[in-house]
Amino acid sequence: MFFIVGEILRGLDIKEILRSKEEKRILTGNISGIEDEYYKLQNKYISCAIVWYGNIKVLIPISHLVNKSQSKSLIRGMLGAEIDFIVLEFDEIANIAIGSRLKAMNLRADLEIPKLKVNDVIRVRIIGIGVKHIIVDMYGKEVIIKADNLKHTYIVNCKDIYNVRRLFTSKS
């Protein structure tokens, strides 16, 4: 019984992965780890964020994860964060997919931001936390919110108050 249910769920995961690859659909998952993968074309190892989509391992190279700084510490700060991604490649035998957060962010921004009006209250996802700021994903745009703008009281360390698994309400 459990085997049949597991196979059905695996089939649904594969269908979603293939739809994402073919139709550029956005999928959502949590970053659960970091791996260095060997990239033959550039003859070097590249840091990748790991997202498990059901039982399919999705690797998101750091070059497809963030625009700016490409350091492993950045991925460590995003561990546990919920992110959107689009599948670029899928190896059904190895059960591994390659994804791109940047392509998903661009698509989300193109779809959602034109709908926003000034002073709309929106929900954003916290994807990174510093001592004096948090980084949120606002419909495909990374926005830095300084500690001064988070509360009316003084914040010594944002890491003591916020975490990456949290949703946050903000005005656009």
Protein backbone atom coordinates (compact mmCIF):
# COMPACT_ATOMS: atom_id res chain seq x y z
CA MET A 1 0.00 0.00 0.00
CA PHE A 2 2.70 2.49 1.01
CA PHE A 3 4.73 1.60 -2.08
CA ILE A 4 1.81 2.42 -4.38
CA VAL A 5 1.18 5.78 -2.69
CA GLY A 6 4.90 6.59 -2.86
CA GLU A 7 5.04 5.80 -6.58
CA ILE A 8 1.96 7.97 -7.24
CA LEU A 9 3.54 10.90 -5.37
CA ARG A 10 6.83 10.38 -7.22
CA GLY A 11 4.93 10.45 -10.52
CA LEU A 12 3.25 13.72 -9.55
CA ASP A 13 6.63 15.25 -8.61
CA ILE A 14 8.11 14.23 -11.96
CA LYS A 15 5.13 15.68 -13.83
CA GLU A 16 5.55 19.02 -12.02
CA ILE A 17 9.29 19.02 -12.74
CA LEU A 18 8.71 18.29 -16.44
CA ARG A 19 5.99 20.96 -16.67
CA SER A 20 8.34 23.47 -15.12
CA LYS A 21 11.05 22.60 -17.64
CA GLU A 22 8.80 22.61 -20.70
CA GLU A 23 6.32 25.37 -19.84
CA LYS A 24 8.54 27.54 -17.59
CA ARG A 25 6.26 27.03 -14.59
CA ILE A 26 7.43 28.31 -11.22
CA LEU A 27 7.91 25.73 -8.46
CA THR A 28 8.54 26.49 -4.79
CA GLY A 29 10.77 24.74 -2.27
CA ASN A 30 13.04 25.29 0.74
CA ILE A 31 16.81 25.40 0.55
CA SER A 32 17.99 22.46 2.63
CA GLY A 33 21.72 22.32 1.97
CA ILE A 34 24.81 23.23 -0.05
CA GLU A 35 26.88 21.06 -2.38
CA ASP A 36 29.87 21.63 -4.62
CA GLU A 37 29.16 20.04 -8.00
CA TYR A 38 31.73 19.51 -10.75
CA TYR A 39 30.91 21.44 -13.92
CA LYS A 40 32.64 19.82 -16.89
CA LEU A 41 32.29 22.73 -19.34
CA GLN A 42 34.14 25.15 -17.03
CA ASN A 43 36.36 22.45 -15.48
CA LYS A 44 35.65 23.59 -11.91
CA TYR A 45 33.43 22.99 -8.91
CA ILE A 46 30.40 25.26 -8.46
CA SER A 47 28.50 25.79 -5.19
CA CYS A 48 24.84 24.80 -5.48
CA ALA A 49 21.86 25.19 -3.21
CA ILE A 50 19.89 21.98 -2.68
CA VAL A 51 16.10 22.01 -2.78
CA TRP A 52 14.17 18.77 -2.39
CA TYR A 53 11.00 18.76 -4.47
CA GLY A 54 9.29 15.66 -3.16
CA ASN A 55 11.99 13.03 -3.59
CA ILE A 56 13.69 14.83 -6.50
CA LYS A 57 16.91 16.65 -5.73
CA VAL A 58 17.02 20.08 -7.37
CA LEU A 59 20.44 21.75 -7.62
CA ILE A 60 20.46 25.51 -8.08
CA PRO A 61 23.94 26.79 -9.01
CA ILE A 62 24.92 29.96 -7.20
CA SER A 63 25.08 31.77 -10.57
CA HIS A 64 21.33 31.01 -10.91
CA LEU A 65 20.55 31.76 -7.27
CA VAL A 66 21.62 35.38 -6.73
CA ASN A 67 22.59 38.37 -8.85
CA LYS A 68 25.28 39.93 -6.71
CA SER A 69 27.80 38.29 -4.42
CA GLN A 70 28.40 34.64 -5.22
CA SER A 71 29.86 33.23 -2.03
CA LYS A 72 29.02 30.05 -0.15
CA SER A 73 28.27 32.09 2.98
CA LEU A 74 25.38 33.70 1.09
CA ILE A 75 23.80 30.26 0.53
CA ARG A 76 24.40 29.40 4.21
CA GLY A 77 22.43 32.51 5.16
CA MET A 78 19.58 31.35 2.94
CA LEU A 79 19.34 27.83 4.44
CA GLY A 80 15.70 27.09 5.16
CA ALA A 81 14.44 29.95 2.98
CA GLU A 82 11.48 29.29 0.72
CA ILE A 83 12.38 30.14 -2.87
CA ASP A 84 10.83 29.96 -6.31
CA PHE A 85 12.66 28.22 -9.16
CA ILE A 86 12.20 27.04 -12.73
CA VAL A 87 13.67 23.73 -13.87
CA LEU A 88 16.30 24.02 -16.61
CA GLU A 89 17.36 20.35 -16.90
CA PHE A 90 16.11 17.06 -15.48
CA ASP A 91 17.87 13.68 -15.31
CA GLU A 92 15.14 11.12 -14.65
CA ILE A 93 17.61 8.27 -14.10
CA ALA A 94 19.63 10.09 -11.43
CA ASN A 95 16.48 11.84 -10.13
CA ILE A 96 18.28 15.21 -10.17
CA ALA A 97 17.12 18.51 -11.67
CA ILE A 98 18.96 21.78 -12.30
CA GLY A 99 16.96 24.90 -11.47
CA SER A 100 17.18 28.66 -11.74
CA ARG A 101 15.89 31.03 -9.09
CA LEU A 102 16.79 34.11 -11.17
CA LYS A 103 14.58 33.03 -14.10
CA ALA A 104 11.70 32.37 -11.70
CA MET A 105 12.22 35.80 -10.08
CA ASN A 106 12.15 37.54 -13.47
CA LEU A 107 8.97 35.71 -14.48
CA ARG A 108 7.30 36.42 -11.10
CA ALA A 109 8.24 40.11 -11.34
CA ASP A 110 6.86 40.37 -14.88
CA LEU A 111 3.57 38.79 -13.78
CA GLU A 112 2.96 40.32 -10.34
CA ILE A 113 4.56 43.77 -10.10
CA PRO A 114 2.37 45.42 -12.79
CA LYS A 115 -0.67 44.51 -10.63
CA LEU A 116 0.63 46.43 -7.58
CA LYS A 117 -0.53 49.89 -6.61
CA VAL A 118 1.11 52.36 -4.24
CA ASN A 119 0.42 51.53 -0.55
CA ASP A 120 -0.80 47.98 -1.29
CA VAL A 121 -0.15 45.66 1.65
CA ILE A 122 1.73 42.62 0.37
CA ARG A 123 3.29 39.48 1.85
CA VAL A 124 6.99 39.00 1.26
CA ARG A 125 9.29 36.08 2.09
CA ILE A 126 12.36 36.60 4.24
CA ILE A 127 15.26 34.95 2.38
CA GLY A 128 18.25 36.36 4.27
CA ILE A 129 19.04 38.07 7.55
CA GLY A 130 21.92 40.34 8.53
CA VAL A 131 22.61 42.07 11.82
CA LYS A 132 21.12 45.41 10.71
CA HIS A 133 18.82 44.36 7.83
CA ILE A 134 16.71 41.60 6.31
CA ILE A 135 16.50 40.62 2.66
CA VAL A 136 13.03 39.78 1.36
CA ASP A 137 11.70 38.42 -1.92
CA MET A 138 8.94 40.77 -3.05
CA TYR A 139 7.30 39.21 -6.09
CA GLY A 140 10.62 38.39 -7.75
CA LYS A 141 12.59 41.41 -6.53
CA GLU A 142 15.12 41.19 -3.72
CA VAL A 143 14.59 44.11 -1.36
CA ILE A 144 16.77 45.03 1.61
CA ILE A 145 14.84 46.39 4.58
CA LYS A 146 17.00 48.12 7.16
CA ALA A 147 16.45 47.54 10.87
CA ASP A 148 15.36 51.19 11.31
CA ASN A 149 12.36 50.52 9.04
CA LEU A 150 11.34 47.24 10.67
CA LYS A 151 10.24 48.47 14.10
CA HIS A 152 9.80 51.72 15.96
CA THR A 153 12.18 50.49 18.65
CA TYR A 154 15.93 49.98 18.35
CA ILE A 155 16.94 46.56 17.02
CA VAL A 156 20.35 45.33 18.17
CA ASN A 157 20.41 42.24 15.95
CA CYS A 158 17.77 41.30 13.34
CA LYS A 159 18.80 37.64 13.67
CA ASP A 160 17.33 37.60 17.19
CA ILE A 161 13.87 38.63 15.93
CA TYR A 162 13.47 37.30 12.36
CA ASN A 163 14.17 33.99 10.63
CA VAL A 164 14.22 32.90 6.99
CA ARG A 165 11.16 30.66 7.24
CA ARG A 166 8.89 33.58 8.06
CA LEU A 167 6.47 35.55 5.92
CA PHE A 168 6.41 39.28 6.45
CA THR A 169 3.72 41.87 5.64
CA SER A 170 4.90 45.09 4.02
CA LYS A 171 3.61 48.06 2.07
CA SER A 172 4.63 48.40 -1.56
